[in-house]
Amino acid sequence: MDRKQVIEVFKLLKSVYPNFDVSTEKVDIWTRLLKDQNPAIVMKNAERYVLTQKYPPTIADLRETNTESRSDDFLKKVRQWEREAVGKPRS
């Protein structure tokens, strides 16, 4: 994620949690700690989070979990296997 993408997440959080503190320092820290994350997944996690939680999330609440990334990798492999298997005779 880049700074602009973190700011988009902050806009969502600030609109849902009026007490969510936003500062330049906080944007910088979150950007540094989320730089390895997929922005779409972080936003999806933020949207899911605000539907059920009374208090603002932490960085850990929004990061992609290892389970998500592993299942995503697994699904990609399955799709690849399916593509490679199409049209090949079965033994």
C-alpha atoms as a PDB file:
ATOM      1  CA  MET A   1       0.000   0.000   0.000  1.00  0.00           C
ATOM      2  CA  ASP A   2       1.086   3.532  -0.592  1.00  0.00           C
ATOM      3  CA  ARG A   3       0.274   6.719   1.319  1.00  0.00           C
ATOM      4  CA  LYS A   4      -2.702   7.602  -0.872  1.00  0.00           C
ATOM      5  CA  GLN A   5      -4.268   4.185  -0.296  1.00  0.00           C
ATOM      6  CA  VAL A   6      -3.780   4.439   3.471  1.00  0.00           C
ATOM      7  CA  ILE A   7      -5.509   7.836   3.395  1.00  0.00           C
ATOM      8  CA  GLU A   8      -8.484   6.212   1.627  1.00  0.00           C
ATOM      9  CA  VAL A   9      -8.742   3.652   4.440  1.00  0.00           C
ATOM     10  CA  PHE A  10      -8.489   6.492   6.978  1.00  0.00           C
ATOM     11  CA  LYS A  11     -11.371   8.326   5.263  1.00  0.00           C
ATOM     12  CA  LEU A  12     -13.561   5.285   5.791  1.00  0.00           C
ATOM     13  CA  LEU A  13     -12.462   4.859   9.398  1.00  0.00           C
ATOM     14  CA  LYS A  14     -12.882   8.551  10.232  1.00  0.00           C
ATOM     15  CA  SER A  15     -16.404   8.624   8.778  1.00  0.00           C
ATOM     16  CA  VAL A  16     -17.458   5.570  10.795  1.00  0.00           C
ATOM     17  CA  TYR A  17     -15.486   6.349  13.966  1.00  0.00           C
ATOM     18  CA  PRO A  18     -15.524  10.130  14.581  1.00  0.00           C
ATOM     19  CA  ASN A  19     -13.001   9.654  17.392  1.00  0.00           C
ATOM     20  CA  PHE A  20     -10.466   8.003  15.025  1.00  0.00           C
ATOM     21  CA  ASP A  21      -7.392  10.213  15.285  1.00  0.00           C
ATOM     22  CA  VAL A  22      -5.725  11.114  11.994  1.00  0.00           C
ATOM     23  CA  SER A  23      -2.334  12.803  11.844  1.00  0.00           C
ATOM     24  CA  THR A  24       0.561  13.001   9.432  1.00  0.00           C
ATOM     25  CA  GLU A  25       2.622  10.863  11.782  1.00  0.00           C
ATOM     26  CA  LYS A  26      -0.095   8.193  11.947  1.00  0.00           C
ATOM     27  CA  VAL A  27      -0.452   8.125   8.147  1.00  0.00           C
ATOM     28  CA  ASP A  28       3.334   7.729   7.834  1.00  0.00           C
ATOM     29  CA  ILE A  29       3.460   4.883  10.362  1.00  0.00           C
ATOM     30  CA  TRP A  30       0.518   3.011   8.875  1.00  0.00           C
ATOM     31  CA  THR A  31       1.957   3.457   5.376  1.00  0.00           C
ATOM     32  CA  ARG A  32       5.291   2.021   6.486  1.00  0.00           C
ATOM     33  CA  LEU A  33       3.673  -0.933   8.265  1.00  0.00           C
ATOM     34  CA  LEU A  34       1.161  -1.713   5.504  1.00  0.00           C
ATOM     35  CA  LYS A  35       3.498  -1.241   2.518  1.00  0.00           C
ATOM     36  CA  ASP A  36       3.625  -5.005   1.905  1.00  0.00           C
ATOM     37  CA  GLN A  37      -0.161  -5.368   1.879  1.00  0.00           C
ATOM     38  CA  ASN A  38      -2.645  -5.595  -0.969  1.00  0.00           C
ATOM     39  CA  PRO A  39      -4.702  -2.367  -0.792  1.00  0.00           C
ATOM     40  CA  ALA A  40      -7.892  -4.086  -1.942  1.00  0.00           C
ATOM     41  CA  ILE A  41      -7.649  -6.659   0.836  1.00  0.00           C
ATOM     42  CA  VAL A  42      -6.907  -4.041   3.506  1.00  0.00           C
ATOM     43  CA  MET A  43      -9.923  -1.985   2.388  1.00  0.00           C
ATOM     44  CA  LYS A  44     -12.097  -5.115   2.301  1.00  0.00           C
ATOM     45  CA  ASN A  45     -10.924  -5.971   5.820  1.00  0.00           C
ATOM     46  CA  ALA A  46     -11.661  -2.416   6.979  1.00  0.00           C
ATOM     47  CA  GLU A  47     -15.166  -2.518   5.514  1.00  0.00           C
ATOM     48  CA  ARG A  48     -15.836  -5.889   7.103  1.00  0.00           C
ATOM     49  CA  TYR A  49     -14.413  -4.677  10.426  1.00  0.00           C
ATOM     50  CA  VAL A  50     -16.587  -1.549  10.686  1.00  0.00           C
ATOM     51  CA  LEU A  51     -19.747  -3.607  10.213  1.00  0.00           C
ATOM     52  CA  THR A  52     -19.246  -5.467  13.490  1.00  0.00           C
ATOM     53  CA  GLN A  53     -16.896  -3.514  15.746  1.00  0.00           C
ATOM     54  CA  LYS A  54     -17.617  -0.527  18.000  1.00  0.00           C
ATOM     55  CA  TYR A  55     -14.032   0.676  18.256  1.00  0.00           C
ATOM     56  CA  PRO A  56     -11.518   1.646  15.537  1.00  0.00           C
ATOM     57  CA  PRO A  57      -9.190  -1.085  14.254  1.00  0.00           C
ATOM     58  CA  THR A  58      -5.496  -1.483  14.766  1.00  0.00           C
ATOM     59  CA  ILE A  59      -3.069  -2.203  11.953  1.00  0.00           C
ATOM     60  CA  ALA A  60      -3.146  -5.879  12.915  1.00  0.00           C
ATOM     61  CA  ASP A  61      -6.936  -5.943  12.492  1.00  0.00           C
ATOM     62  CA  LEU A  62      -6.635  -4.861   8.853  1.00  0.00           C
ATOM     63  CA  ARG A  63      -3.545  -6.708   7.649  1.00  0.00           C
ATOM     64  CA  GLU A  64      -3.965  -9.674   5.340  1.00  0.00           C
ATOM     65  CA  THR A  65      -3.597 -12.802   7.404  1.00  0.00           C
ATOM     66  CA  ASN A  66      -1.321 -15.616   6.371  1.00  0.00           C
ATOM     67  CA  THR A  67      -4.411 -17.783   5.971  1.00  0.00           C
ATOM     68  CA  GLU A  68      -5.873 -15.361   3.437  1.00  0.00           C
ATOM     69  CA  SER A  69      -2.700 -15.188   1.405  1.00  0.00           C
ATOM     70  CA  ARG A  70      -2.199 -18.957   1.521  1.00  0.00           C
ATOM     71  CA  SER A  71      -5.776 -19.673   0.489  1.00  0.00           C
ATOM     72  CA  ASP A  72      -5.428 -17.116  -2.297  1.00  0.00           C
ATOM     73  CA  ASP A  73      -2.233 -18.841  -3.470  1.00  0.00           C
ATOM     74  CA  PHE A  74      -3.972 -22.204  -3.308  1.00  0.00           C
ATOM     75  CA  LEU A  75      -6.901 -20.943  -5.380  1.00  0.00           C
ATOM     76  CA  LYS A  76      -4.489 -19.604  -8.001  1.00  0.00           C
ATOM     77  CA  LYS A  77      -2.787 -23.014  -8.177  1.00  0.00           C
ATOM     78  CA  VAL A  78      -6.123 -24.806  -8.530  1.00  0.00           C
ATOM     79  CA  ARG A  79      -7.148 -22.474 -11.360  1.00  0.00           C
ATOM     80  CA  GLN A  80      -3.806 -23.075 -13.065  1.00  0.00           C
ATOM     81  CA  TRP A  81      -4.224 -26.851 -12.737  1.00  0.00           C
ATOM     82  CA  GLU A  82      -7.714 -26.573 -14.211  1.00  0.00           C
ATOM     83  CA  ARG A  83      -6.432 -24.517 -17.173  1.00  0.00           C
ATOM     84  CA  GLU A  84      -3.626 -26.996 -17.807  1.00  0.00           C
ATOM     85  CA  ALA A  85      -5.957 -29.987 -17.524  1.00  0.00           C
ATOM     86  CA  VAL A  86      -8.493 -28.738 -20.075  1.00  0.00           C
ATOM     87  CA  GLY A  87      -8.306 -30.714 -23.292  1.00  0.00           C
ATOM     88  CA  LYS A  88      -5.846 -33.297 -22.001  1.00  0.00           C
ATOM     89  CA  PRO A  89      -6.946 -36.926 -22.203  1.00  0.00           C
ATOM     90  CA  ARG A  90      -7.487 -38.695 -18.907  1.00  0.00           C
ATOM     91  CA  SER A  91      -5.476 -41.784 -18.127  1.00  0.00           C
END
